[in-house]
N, C-alpha and C. Protein backbone atom coordinates (compact mmCIF):
# COMPACT_ATOMS: atom_id res chain seq x y z
N MET A 1 0.84 -1.18 0.00
CA MET A 1 0.00 0.00 0.00
C MET A 1 0.89 1.25 0.00
N GLN A 2 0.61 2.15 -0.91
CA GLN A 2 1.43 3.35 -1.06
C GLN A 2 0.95 4.45 -0.11
N GLN A 3 1.89 5.04 0.62
CA GLN A 3 1.55 6.13 1.53
C GLN A 3 1.65 7.45 0.79
N ILE A 4 0.74 8.36 1.14
CA ILE A 4 0.76 9.70 0.54
C ILE A 4 1.57 10.61 1.45
N ASN A 5 2.53 11.30 0.86
CA ASN A 5 3.36 12.24 1.59
C ASN A 5 2.70 13.62 1.50
N PRO A 6 2.08 14.09 2.60
CA PRO A 6 1.36 15.37 2.54
C PRO A 6 2.28 16.55 2.19
N LEU A 7 3.52 16.51 2.66
CA LEU A 7 4.45 17.59 2.36
C LEU A 7 4.76 17.63 0.87
N GLY A 8 5.01 16.46 0.29
CA GLY A 8 5.28 16.38 -1.15
C GLY A 8 4.08 16.80 -1.98
N HIS A 9 2.89 16.40 -1.55
CA HIS A 9 1.67 16.78 -2.25
C HIS A 9 1.46 18.29 -2.20
N GLY A 10 1.65 18.87 -1.03
CA GLY A 10 1.51 20.32 -0.87
C GLY A 10 2.51 21.08 -1.72
N LEU A 11 3.73 20.58 -1.78
CA LEU A 11 4.77 21.21 -2.59
C LEU A 11 4.41 21.14 -4.08
N ARG A 12 3.87 20.01 -4.52
CA ARG A 12 3.43 19.89 -5.92
C ARG A 12 2.33 20.89 -6.25
N ILE A 13 1.40 21.08 -5.33
CA ILE A 13 0.31 22.05 -5.53
C ILE A 13 0.90 23.46 -5.66
N ILE A 14 1.81 23.82 -4.77
CA ILE A 14 2.42 25.16 -4.81
C ILE A 14 3.19 25.36 -6.12
N ILE A 15 3.96 24.36 -6.52
CA ILE A 15 4.71 24.46 -7.78
C ILE A 15 3.75 24.63 -8.96
N HIS A 16 2.66 23.88 -8.95
CA HIS A 16 1.65 24.02 -10.01
C HIS A 16 1.07 25.44 -10.03
N ARG A 17 0.70 25.94 -8.86
CA ARG A 17 0.10 27.27 -8.77
C ARG A 17 1.07 28.35 -9.27
N VAL A 18 2.30 28.28 -8.81
CA VAL A 18 3.30 29.29 -9.19
C VAL A 18 3.58 29.21 -10.69
N THR A 19 3.75 28.00 -11.20
CA THR A 19 4.01 27.83 -12.64
C THR A 19 2.87 28.39 -13.47
N GLN A 20 1.65 28.05 -13.10
CA GLN A 20 0.48 28.54 -13.84
C GLN A 20 0.38 30.07 -13.76
N ALA A 21 0.47 30.59 -12.55
CA ALA A 21 0.28 32.04 -12.34
C ALA A 21 1.32 32.88 -13.06
N PHE A 22 2.57 32.43 -13.07
CA PHE A 22 3.62 33.19 -13.73
C PHE A 22 3.58 33.05 -15.24
N SER A 23 3.07 31.93 -15.74
CA SER A 23 3.15 31.67 -17.18
C SER A 23 1.93 32.15 -17.97
N ILE A 24 0.81 32.37 -17.31
CA ILE A 24 -0.39 32.79 -18.03
C ILE A 24 -0.32 34.29 -18.33
N LEU A 25 -0.40 34.63 -19.59
CA LEU A 25 -0.50 36.03 -20.00
C LEU A 25 -1.96 36.28 -20.36
N PRO A 26 -2.65 37.08 -19.57
CA PRO A 26 -4.08 37.25 -19.76
C PRO A 26 -4.43 38.00 -21.05
N PRO A 27 -5.63 37.74 -21.56
CA PRO A 27 -6.08 38.46 -22.77
C PRO A 27 -6.43 39.91 -22.46
N ARG A 28 -6.62 40.66 -23.49
CA ARG A 28 -6.91 42.10 -23.39
C ARG A 28 -8.13 42.39 -22.50
N LYS A 29 -9.17 41.56 -22.60
CA LYS A 29 -10.38 41.81 -21.80
C LYS A 29 -10.09 41.72 -20.30
N THR A 30 -9.13 40.89 -19.90
CA THR A 30 -8.74 40.81 -18.49
C THR A 30 -8.06 42.10 -18.04
N TRP A 31 -7.21 42.66 -18.92
CA TRP A 31 -6.54 43.92 -18.59
C TRP A 31 -7.55 45.06 -18.49
N ILE A 32 -8.56 45.04 -19.36
CA ILE A 32 -9.62 46.07 -19.31
C ILE A 32 -10.40 45.93 -18.01
N PHE A 33 -10.76 44.71 -17.64
CA PHE A 33 -11.45 44.46 -16.37
C PHE A 33 -10.58 44.94 -15.20
N SER A 34 -9.29 44.65 -15.26
CA SER A 34 -8.37 45.07 -14.19
C SER A 34 -8.32 46.59 -14.07
N LEU A 35 -8.32 47.26 -15.20
CA LEU A 35 -8.33 48.73 -15.19
C LEU A 35 -9.60 49.25 -14.54
N TRP A 36 -10.74 48.67 -14.90
CA TRP A 36 -12.01 49.12 -14.31
C TRP A 36 -12.06 48.87 -12.81
N ILE A 37 -11.56 47.74 -12.38
CA ILE A 37 -11.59 47.45 -10.95
C ILE A 37 -10.61 48.36 -10.19
N LEU A 38 -9.52 48.74 -10.84
CA LEU A 38 -8.57 49.69 -10.24
C LEU A 38 -9.21 51.08 -10.13
N VAL A 39 -9.95 51.49 -11.14
CA VAL A 39 -10.67 52.77 -11.09
C VAL A 39 -11.71 52.74 -9.97
N LEU A 40 -12.42 51.62 -9.83
CA LEU A 40 -13.40 51.49 -8.75
C LEU A 40 -12.72 51.59 -7.39
N PHE A 41 -11.58 50.94 -7.24
CA PHE A 41 -10.80 51.03 -6.00
C PHE A 41 -10.46 52.49 -5.69
N ALA A 42 -9.93 53.20 -6.69
CA ALA A 42 -9.56 54.60 -6.49
C ALA A 42 -10.77 55.46 -6.14
N ALA A 43 -11.90 55.19 -6.81
CA ALA A 43 -13.12 55.97 -6.55
C ALA A 43 -13.62 55.75 -5.12
N LEU A 44 -13.34 54.61 -4.56
CA LEU A 44 -13.77 54.33 -3.19
C LEU A 44 -12.78 54.85 -2.15
N ILE A 45 -11.49 54.62 -2.37
CA ILE A 45 -10.52 54.89 -1.31
C ILE A 45 -9.98 56.32 -1.33
N VAL A 46 -9.86 56.95 -2.49
CA VAL A 46 -9.29 58.31 -2.53
C VAL A 46 -10.17 59.31 -1.76
N PRO A 47 -11.50 59.33 -1.97
CA PRO A 47 -12.30 60.28 -1.18
C PRO A 47 -12.22 60.02 0.33
N VAL A 48 -12.23 58.76 0.72
CA VAL A 48 -12.11 58.43 2.15
C VAL A 48 -10.75 58.89 2.68
N GLY A 49 -9.70 58.61 1.92
CA GLY A 49 -8.36 59.00 2.35
C GLY A 49 -8.16 60.49 2.42
N LEU A 50 -8.70 61.23 1.44
CA LEU A 50 -8.57 62.70 1.45
C LEU A 50 -9.40 63.30 2.58
N ASN A 51 -10.60 62.79 2.77
CA ASN A 51 -11.48 63.31 3.82
C ASN A 51 -10.87 63.11 5.21
N SER A 52 -10.20 61.99 5.40
CA SER A 52 -9.59 61.70 6.70
C SER A 52 -8.20 62.32 6.85
N LYS A 53 -7.71 62.91 5.76
CA LYS A 53 -6.37 63.49 5.70
C LYS A 53 -5.25 62.44 5.77
N PHE A 54 -5.61 61.18 5.58
CA PHE A 54 -4.59 60.15 5.46
C PHE A 54 -3.87 60.28 4.12
N LEU A 55 -4.63 60.62 3.08
CA LEU A 55 -4.06 60.89 1.76
C LEU A 55 -3.99 62.40 1.56
N THR A 56 -2.89 62.84 1.00
CA THR A 56 -2.71 64.25 0.68
C THR A 56 -2.04 64.35 -0.68
N PHE A 57 -2.49 65.30 -1.49
CA PHE A 57 -1.87 65.48 -2.79
C PHE A 57 -0.53 66.18 -2.59
N GLU A 58 0.52 65.43 -2.73
CA GLU A 58 1.85 66.01 -2.63
C GLU A 58 2.82 65.10 -3.40
N SER A 59 3.71 65.73 -4.09
CA SER A 59 4.72 64.93 -4.80
C SER A 59 5.99 64.90 -3.97
N VAL A 60 6.75 63.86 -4.16
CA VAL A 60 7.99 63.67 -3.42
C VAL A 60 9.12 64.29 -4.23
N HIS A 61 9.98 64.99 -3.56
CA HIS A 61 11.11 65.64 -4.23
C HIS A 61 12.34 64.75 -4.10
N LEU A 62 12.48 63.85 -5.06
CA LEU A 62 13.61 62.93 -5.12
C LEU A 62 14.25 63.05 -6.49
N SER A 63 15.48 62.64 -6.62
CA SER A 63 16.13 62.67 -7.93
C SER A 63 15.43 61.66 -8.84
N TRP A 64 15.52 61.91 -10.15
CA TRP A 64 14.90 61.01 -11.12
C TRP A 64 15.46 59.61 -10.99
N LEU A 65 16.74 59.49 -10.75
CA LEU A 65 17.37 58.18 -10.59
C LEU A 65 16.79 57.44 -9.39
N THR A 66 16.59 58.16 -8.29
CA THR A 66 16.00 57.56 -7.09
C THR A 66 14.56 57.13 -7.36
N VAL A 67 13.80 57.96 -8.05
CA VAL A 67 12.40 57.62 -8.37
C VAL A 67 12.34 56.38 -9.25
N ILE A 68 13.18 56.31 -10.27
CA ILE A 68 13.18 55.15 -11.18
C ILE A 68 13.57 53.88 -10.41
N ARG A 69 14.59 53.99 -9.58
CA ARG A 69 15.01 52.84 -8.76
C ARG A 69 13.88 52.42 -7.82
N PHE A 70 13.24 53.39 -7.22
CA PHE A 70 12.14 53.16 -6.30
C PHE A 70 10.98 52.46 -7.00
N ILE A 71 10.63 52.93 -8.20
CA ILE A 71 9.54 52.33 -8.98
C ILE A 71 9.88 50.87 -9.31
N GLY A 72 11.12 50.61 -9.68
CA GLY A 72 11.53 49.24 -9.98
C GLY A 72 11.51 48.34 -8.76
N LEU A 73 12.00 48.85 -7.65
CA LEU A 73 12.04 48.04 -6.43
C LEU A 73 10.63 47.71 -5.92
N THR A 74 9.71 48.66 -6.01
CA THR A 74 8.35 48.40 -5.53
C THR A 74 7.62 47.40 -6.42
N PHE A 75 8.08 47.24 -7.66
CA PHE A 75 7.49 46.22 -8.52
C PHE A 75 7.82 44.82 -7.97
N ILE A 76 9.04 44.70 -7.44
CA ILE A 76 9.46 43.41 -6.88
C ILE A 76 8.84 43.22 -5.50
N ALA A 77 9.08 44.20 -4.61
CA ALA A 77 8.51 44.14 -3.26
C ALA A 77 7.95 45.50 -2.94
N PRO A 78 6.68 45.58 -2.74
CA PRO A 78 5.78 44.52 -2.32
C PRO A 78 5.04 43.77 -3.44
N ALA A 79 4.97 44.29 -4.66
CA ALA A 79 4.02 43.76 -5.65
C ALA A 79 4.21 42.27 -5.94
N ILE A 80 5.32 41.87 -6.53
CA ILE A 80 5.49 40.46 -6.89
C ILE A 80 5.56 39.57 -5.66
N VAL A 81 6.31 39.98 -4.66
CA VAL A 81 6.48 39.15 -3.46
C VAL A 81 5.14 38.91 -2.76
N GLU A 82 4.41 39.97 -2.47
CA GLU A 82 3.14 39.80 -1.75
C GLU A 82 2.09 39.09 -2.59
N GLU A 83 1.98 39.42 -3.86
CA GLU A 83 0.98 38.76 -4.70
C GLU A 83 1.29 37.28 -4.86
N THR A 84 2.56 36.94 -4.96
CA THR A 84 2.92 35.52 -5.06
C THR A 84 2.51 34.77 -3.80
N PHE A 85 2.77 35.34 -2.64
CA PHE A 85 2.42 34.65 -1.41
C PHE A 85 0.91 34.67 -1.15
N TYR A 86 0.32 35.87 -1.07
CA TYR A 86 -1.07 35.99 -0.62
C TYR A 86 -2.09 35.54 -1.66
N ARG A 87 -1.78 35.63 -2.92
CA ARG A 87 -2.72 35.19 -3.95
C ARG A 87 -2.32 33.81 -4.49
N VAL A 88 -1.14 33.70 -5.06
CA VAL A 88 -0.78 32.48 -5.78
C VAL A 88 -0.61 31.28 -4.85
N ILE A 89 0.12 31.42 -3.77
CA ILE A 89 0.38 30.28 -2.90
C ILE A 89 -0.84 29.95 -2.03
N LEU A 90 -1.49 30.97 -1.48
CA LEU A 90 -2.60 30.70 -0.56
C LEU A 90 -3.93 30.39 -1.23
N LEU A 91 -4.12 30.84 -2.46
CA LEU A 91 -5.42 30.64 -3.11
C LEU A 91 -5.38 29.51 -4.13
N PRO A 92 -6.47 28.74 -4.22
CA PRO A 92 -6.54 27.74 -5.27
C PRO A 92 -6.50 28.43 -6.65
N HIS A 93 -5.76 27.84 -7.56
CA HIS A 93 -5.68 28.37 -8.93
C HIS A 93 -6.96 27.99 -9.67
N LYS A 94 -7.31 28.79 -10.66
CA LYS A 94 -8.55 28.53 -11.40
C LYS A 94 -8.52 27.19 -12.12
N SER A 95 -7.34 26.61 -12.33
CA SER A 95 -7.24 25.30 -12.98
C SER A 95 -7.53 24.15 -12.01
N GLU A 96 -7.59 24.44 -10.72
CA GLU A 96 -7.88 23.41 -9.71
C GLU A 96 -9.39 23.26 -9.56
N LYS A 97 -9.81 22.05 -9.34
CA LYS A 97 -11.23 21.78 -9.07
C LYS A 97 -11.51 22.13 -7.62
N THR A 98 -12.14 23.28 -7.41
CA THR A 98 -12.37 23.78 -6.07
C THR A 98 -13.83 24.19 -5.91
N THR A 99 -14.41 23.87 -4.77
CA THR A 99 -15.78 24.28 -4.50
C THR A 99 -15.84 25.77 -4.16
N PHE A 100 -17.00 26.34 -4.28
CA PHE A 100 -17.19 27.74 -3.92
C PHE A 100 -16.89 27.94 -2.43
N ARG A 101 -17.31 26.99 -1.61
CA ARG A 101 -17.06 27.06 -0.16
C ARG A 101 -15.56 27.08 0.13
N SER A 102 -14.82 26.21 -0.54
CA SER A 102 -13.37 26.16 -0.35
C SER A 102 -12.72 27.47 -0.80
N LYS A 103 -13.18 28.03 -1.92
CA LYS A 103 -12.65 29.32 -2.37
C LYS A 103 -12.91 30.40 -1.33
N CYS A 104 -14.10 30.40 -0.74
CA CYS A 104 -14.42 31.41 0.28
C CYS A 104 -13.54 31.25 1.51
N ILE A 105 -13.30 30.02 1.93
CA ILE A 105 -12.46 29.78 3.10
C ILE A 105 -11.03 30.24 2.82
N TRP A 106 -10.45 29.79 1.70
CA TRP A 106 -9.09 30.18 1.37
C TRP A 106 -8.98 31.67 1.06
N GLY A 107 -10.02 32.23 0.45
CA GLY A 107 -10.04 33.66 0.19
C GLY A 107 -10.04 34.47 1.48
N SER A 108 -10.80 34.01 2.47
CA SER A 108 -10.83 34.68 3.78
C SER A 108 -9.49 34.58 4.48
N ILE A 109 -8.88 33.40 4.44
CA ILE A 109 -7.56 33.21 5.06
C ILE A 109 -6.54 34.13 4.38
N SER A 110 -6.56 34.15 3.06
CA SER A 110 -5.62 34.98 2.31
C SER A 110 -5.81 36.46 2.65
N LEU A 111 -7.05 36.92 2.65
CA LEU A 111 -7.33 38.34 2.89
C LEU A 111 -6.98 38.74 4.32
N ILE A 112 -7.34 37.91 5.28
CA ILE A 112 -7.06 38.24 6.68
C ILE A 112 -5.55 38.26 6.93
N THR A 113 -4.83 37.28 6.41
CA THR A 113 -3.37 37.27 6.62
C THR A 113 -2.71 38.44 5.89
N TYR A 114 -3.26 38.83 4.74
CA TYR A 114 -2.73 39.98 4.00
C TYR A 114 -2.91 41.27 4.82
N ILE A 115 -4.07 41.45 5.39
CA ILE A 115 -4.34 42.66 6.19
C ILE A 115 -3.48 42.66 7.45
N ILE A 116 -3.49 41.57 8.20
CA ILE A 116 -2.73 41.48 9.45
C ILE A 116 -1.22 41.55 9.19
N GLY A 117 -0.81 41.04 8.04
CA GLY A 117 0.62 41.03 7.70
C GLY A 117 1.24 42.40 7.66
N HIS A 118 0.47 43.43 7.32
CA HIS A 118 1.04 44.77 7.22
C HIS A 118 1.40 45.36 8.59
N PRO A 119 0.48 45.41 9.56
CA PRO A 119 0.89 45.89 10.89
C PRO A 119 1.96 45.00 11.53
N LEU A 120 1.86 43.70 11.31
CA LEU A 120 2.86 42.79 11.84
C LEU A 120 4.24 43.10 11.25
N ASN A 121 4.27 43.40 9.97
CA ASN A 121 5.52 43.79 9.31
C ASN A 121 6.09 45.07 9.92
N ALA A 122 5.20 46.00 10.27
CA ALA A 122 5.63 47.29 10.83
C ALA A 122 6.27 47.13 12.20
N VAL A 123 5.88 46.12 12.95
CA VAL A 123 6.46 45.93 14.29
C VAL A 123 7.59 44.91 14.30
N THR A 124 7.89 44.32 13.14
CA THR A 124 8.98 43.34 13.09
C THR A 124 10.08 43.77 12.12
N PHE A 125 9.82 43.70 10.82
CA PHE A 125 10.87 43.89 9.83
C PHE A 125 10.94 45.29 9.23
N TYR A 126 9.83 45.99 9.17
CA TYR A 126 9.77 47.27 8.46
C TYR A 126 9.27 48.35 9.41
N SER A 127 10.14 48.79 10.30
CA SER A 127 9.73 49.76 11.34
C SER A 127 9.27 51.09 10.77
N SER A 128 9.66 51.42 9.53
CA SER A 128 9.17 52.65 8.90
C SER A 128 7.65 52.61 8.71
N GLY A 129 7.08 51.42 8.70
CA GLY A 129 5.64 51.27 8.54
C GLY A 129 4.84 51.62 9.79
N PHE A 130 5.53 51.81 10.92
CA PHE A 130 4.84 52.15 12.15
C PHE A 130 4.78 53.66 12.30
N PRO A 131 3.69 54.29 12.57
CA PRO A 131 2.36 53.79 12.87
C PRO A 131 1.44 53.72 11.64
N THR A 132 1.94 54.08 10.46
CA THR A 132 1.11 54.17 9.25
C THR A 132 0.34 52.88 8.98
N PHE A 133 0.99 51.73 9.14
CA PHE A 133 0.34 50.46 8.81
C PHE A 133 -0.75 50.07 9.81
N PHE A 134 -0.93 50.87 10.86
CA PHE A 134 -2.00 50.65 11.82
C PHE A 134 -3.17 51.61 11.59
N HIS A 135 -3.01 52.59 10.72
CA HIS A 135 -4.05 53.60 10.48
C HIS A 135 -5.28 52.94 9.87
N PRO A 136 -6.48 53.26 10.36
CA PRO A 136 -7.71 52.63 9.85
C PRO A 136 -7.90 52.80 8.33
N VAL A 137 -7.55 53.95 7.77
CA VAL A 137 -7.70 54.14 6.32
C VAL A 137 -6.69 53.28 5.57
N PHE A 138 -5.49 53.16 6.09
CA PHE A 138 -4.50 52.27 5.46
C PHE A 138 -5.02 50.84 5.48
N LEU A 139 -5.56 50.40 6.60
CA LEU A 139 -6.07 49.03 6.71
C LEU A 139 -7.28 48.81 5.80
N LEU A 140 -8.14 49.82 5.67
CA LEU A 140 -9.26 49.72 4.74
C LEU A 140 -8.75 49.61 3.31
N ALA A 141 -7.79 50.45 2.95
CA ALA A 141 -7.22 50.40 1.60
C ALA A 141 -6.54 49.05 1.36
N THR A 142 -5.86 48.54 2.36
CA THR A 142 -5.21 47.23 2.26
C THR A 142 -6.25 46.14 2.03
N ALA A 143 -7.34 46.19 2.79
CA ALA A 143 -8.41 45.19 2.63
C ALA A 143 -9.02 45.25 1.23
N LEU A 144 -9.33 46.46 0.76
CA LEU A 144 -9.91 46.60 -0.59
C LEU A 144 -8.92 46.16 -1.67
N LEU A 145 -7.66 46.53 -1.50
CA LEU A 145 -6.64 46.13 -2.47
C LEU A 145 -6.50 44.61 -2.49
N GLY A 146 -6.46 44.00 -1.33
CA GLY A 146 -6.38 42.54 -1.27
C GLY A 146 -7.57 41.88 -1.93
N LEU A 147 -8.76 42.44 -1.70
CA LEU A 147 -9.97 41.89 -2.30
C LEU A 147 -9.97 42.01 -3.82
N ILE A 148 -9.61 43.18 -4.34
CA ILE A 148 -9.64 43.32 -5.80
C ILE A 148 -8.53 42.50 -6.46
N CYS A 149 -7.38 42.39 -5.80
CA CYS A 149 -6.31 41.56 -6.36
C CYS A 149 -6.73 40.09 -6.37
N MET A 150 -7.45 39.67 -5.35
CA MET A 150 -7.95 38.30 -5.29
C MET A 150 -8.97 38.05 -6.41
N ILE A 151 -9.87 38.97 -6.61
CA ILE A 151 -10.89 38.83 -7.67
C ILE A 151 -10.21 38.75 -9.04
N VAL A 152 -9.28 39.63 -9.28
CA VAL A 152 -8.59 39.65 -10.57
C VAL A 152 -7.76 38.38 -10.76
N TYR A 153 -7.12 37.91 -9.70
CA TYR A 153 -6.34 36.68 -9.79
C TYR A 153 -7.24 35.49 -10.11
N TRP A 154 -8.35 35.36 -9.38
CA TRP A 154 -9.25 34.23 -9.64
C TRP A 154 -9.83 34.28 -11.04
N ARG A 155 -10.13 35.46 -11.49
CA ARG A 155 -10.71 35.60 -12.83
C ARG A 155 -9.69 35.28 -13.93
N SER A 156 -8.45 35.70 -13.73
CA SER A 156 -7.44 35.56 -14.78
C SER A 156 -6.59 34.29 -14.66
N GLY A 157 -6.35 33.84 -13.44
CA GLY A 157 -5.42 32.74 -13.23
C GLY A 157 -3.97 33.17 -13.40
N SER A 158 -3.76 34.46 -13.57
CA SER A 158 -2.43 35.00 -13.81
C SER A 158 -2.00 35.90 -12.66
N LEU A 159 -0.72 35.85 -12.36
CA LEU A 159 -0.14 36.71 -11.34
C LEU A 159 -0.06 38.16 -11.80
N TRP A 160 0.07 38.39 -13.11
CA TRP A 160 0.43 39.71 -13.63
C TRP A 160 -0.61 40.81 -13.41
N PRO A 161 -1.90 40.59 -13.63
CA PRO A 161 -2.84 41.70 -13.34
C PRO A 161 -2.84 42.15 -11.88
N PRO A 162 -2.89 41.22 -10.89
CA PRO A 162 -2.82 41.72 -9.51
C PRO A 162 -1.49 42.39 -9.17
N VAL A 163 -0.40 41.92 -9.76
CA VAL A 163 0.90 42.57 -9.51
C VAL A 163 0.88 44.00 -10.02
N ILE A 164 0.39 44.21 -11.23
CA ILE A 164 0.34 45.56 -11.81
C ILE A 164 -0.57 46.47 -10.98
N ILE A 165 -1.73 45.96 -10.58
CA ILE A 165 -2.65 46.75 -9.74
C ILE A 165 -1.96 47.13 -8.43
N HIS A 166 -1.41 46.15 -7.75
CA HIS A 166 -0.75 46.38 -6.46
C HIS A 166 0.38 47.39 -6.61
N TRP A 167 1.19 47.20 -7.62
CA TRP A 167 2.34 48.07 -7.87
C TRP A 167 1.89 49.51 -8.14
N LEU A 168 0.89 49.69 -9.00
CA LEU A 168 0.40 51.04 -9.32
C LEU A 168 -0.15 51.74 -8.08
N VAL A 169 -0.92 51.01 -7.28
CA VAL A 169 -1.49 51.60 -6.06
C VAL A 169 -0.37 52.05 -5.12
N VAL A 170 0.62 51.22 -4.91
CA VAL A 170 1.73 51.56 -4.01
C VAL A 170 2.52 52.76 -4.55
N VAL A 171 2.86 52.74 -5.84
CA VAL A 171 3.65 53.83 -6.41
C VAL A 171 2.89 55.16 -6.34
N VAL A 172 1.61 55.16 -6.69
CA VAL A 172 0.82 56.40 -6.64
C VAL A 172 0.71 56.89 -5.20
N TRP A 173 0.44 55.98 -4.26
CA TRP A 173 0.34 56.39 -2.86
C TRP A 173 1.67 56.98 -2.37
N LEU A 174 2.75 56.29 -2.64
CA LEU A 174 4.04 56.74 -2.13
C LEU A 174 4.52 58.03 -2.78
N LEU A 175 4.38 58.15 -4.10
CA LEU A 175 4.96 59.29 -4.80
C LEU A 175 4.03 60.48 -4.98
N LEU A 176 2.71 60.27 -4.93
CA LEU A 176 1.78 61.37 -5.21
C LEU A 176 0.77 61.67 -4.10
N LEU A 177 0.54 60.71 -3.21
CA LEU A 177 -0.53 60.90 -2.22
C LEU A 177 -0.03 60.86 -0.76
N GLY A 178 1.22 61.21 -0.56
CA GLY A 178 1.73 61.38 0.80
C GLY A 178 2.29 60.16 1.48
N GLY A 179 2.30 59.02 0.84
CA GLY A 179 2.78 57.80 1.49
C GLY A 179 4.26 57.82 1.83
N TYR A 180 5.07 58.35 0.91
CA TYR A 180 6.51 58.41 1.17
C TYR A 180 6.81 59.23 2.41
N GLY A 181 6.15 60.37 2.54
CA GLY A 181 6.34 61.22 3.71
C GLY A 181 5.91 60.55 5.00
N LYS A 182 4.82 59.78 4.94
CA LYS A 182 4.35 59.08 6.13
C LYS A 182 5.35 58.02 6.55
N LEU A 183 5.90 57.30 5.58
CA LEU A 183 6.82 56.21 5.92
C LEU A 183 8.22 56.71 6.29
N HIS A 184 8.56 57.91 5.84
CA HIS A 184 9.89 58.46 6.11
C HIS A 184 9.83 59.67 7.03
N GLN A 185 8.68 59.86 7.69
CA GLN A 185 8.48 60.93 8.68
C GLN A 185 8.92 62.29 8.17
N LEU A 186 8.51 62.61 6.92
CA LEU A 186 8.85 63.92 6.34
C LEU A 186 7.83 64.97 6.71
């Protein structure tokens, strides 16, 4: 009788998810959907952020070289790193036979760990995130961003639309809406 190795099985699932998510290039209609959902996100969070004064229209005065380097680095972390973990590894891929109930359970786990991960990061590895990552508007924006990235990932099966959405939100917040100043106490 053959024994099933749960660790090996879990590793095969993760490898399948990562391979699928990185290799699928979504069609144009997925990118259009992603754009619309990003606009909806902005329409919801920008008024709340401006009204609470968490978001402020201000540009950061950095050298062009620093801005370009910054834009590139944020594409890797947080965008690719977080989307790979919170969406690709934690969520069933669209190619997997998964029940709606299972998707809801894993979606809830993914979203909750994504939200909690930010304040936890601020008190452990990224002290610049304290106290910003505890602000209610930041946590609301994080929850909405996690939700829309999850929806886009499930719809597309690709890592790339949620990465682009996540990256654009972070870059705009940091460079145009006061995020850089909050994280660097300017």
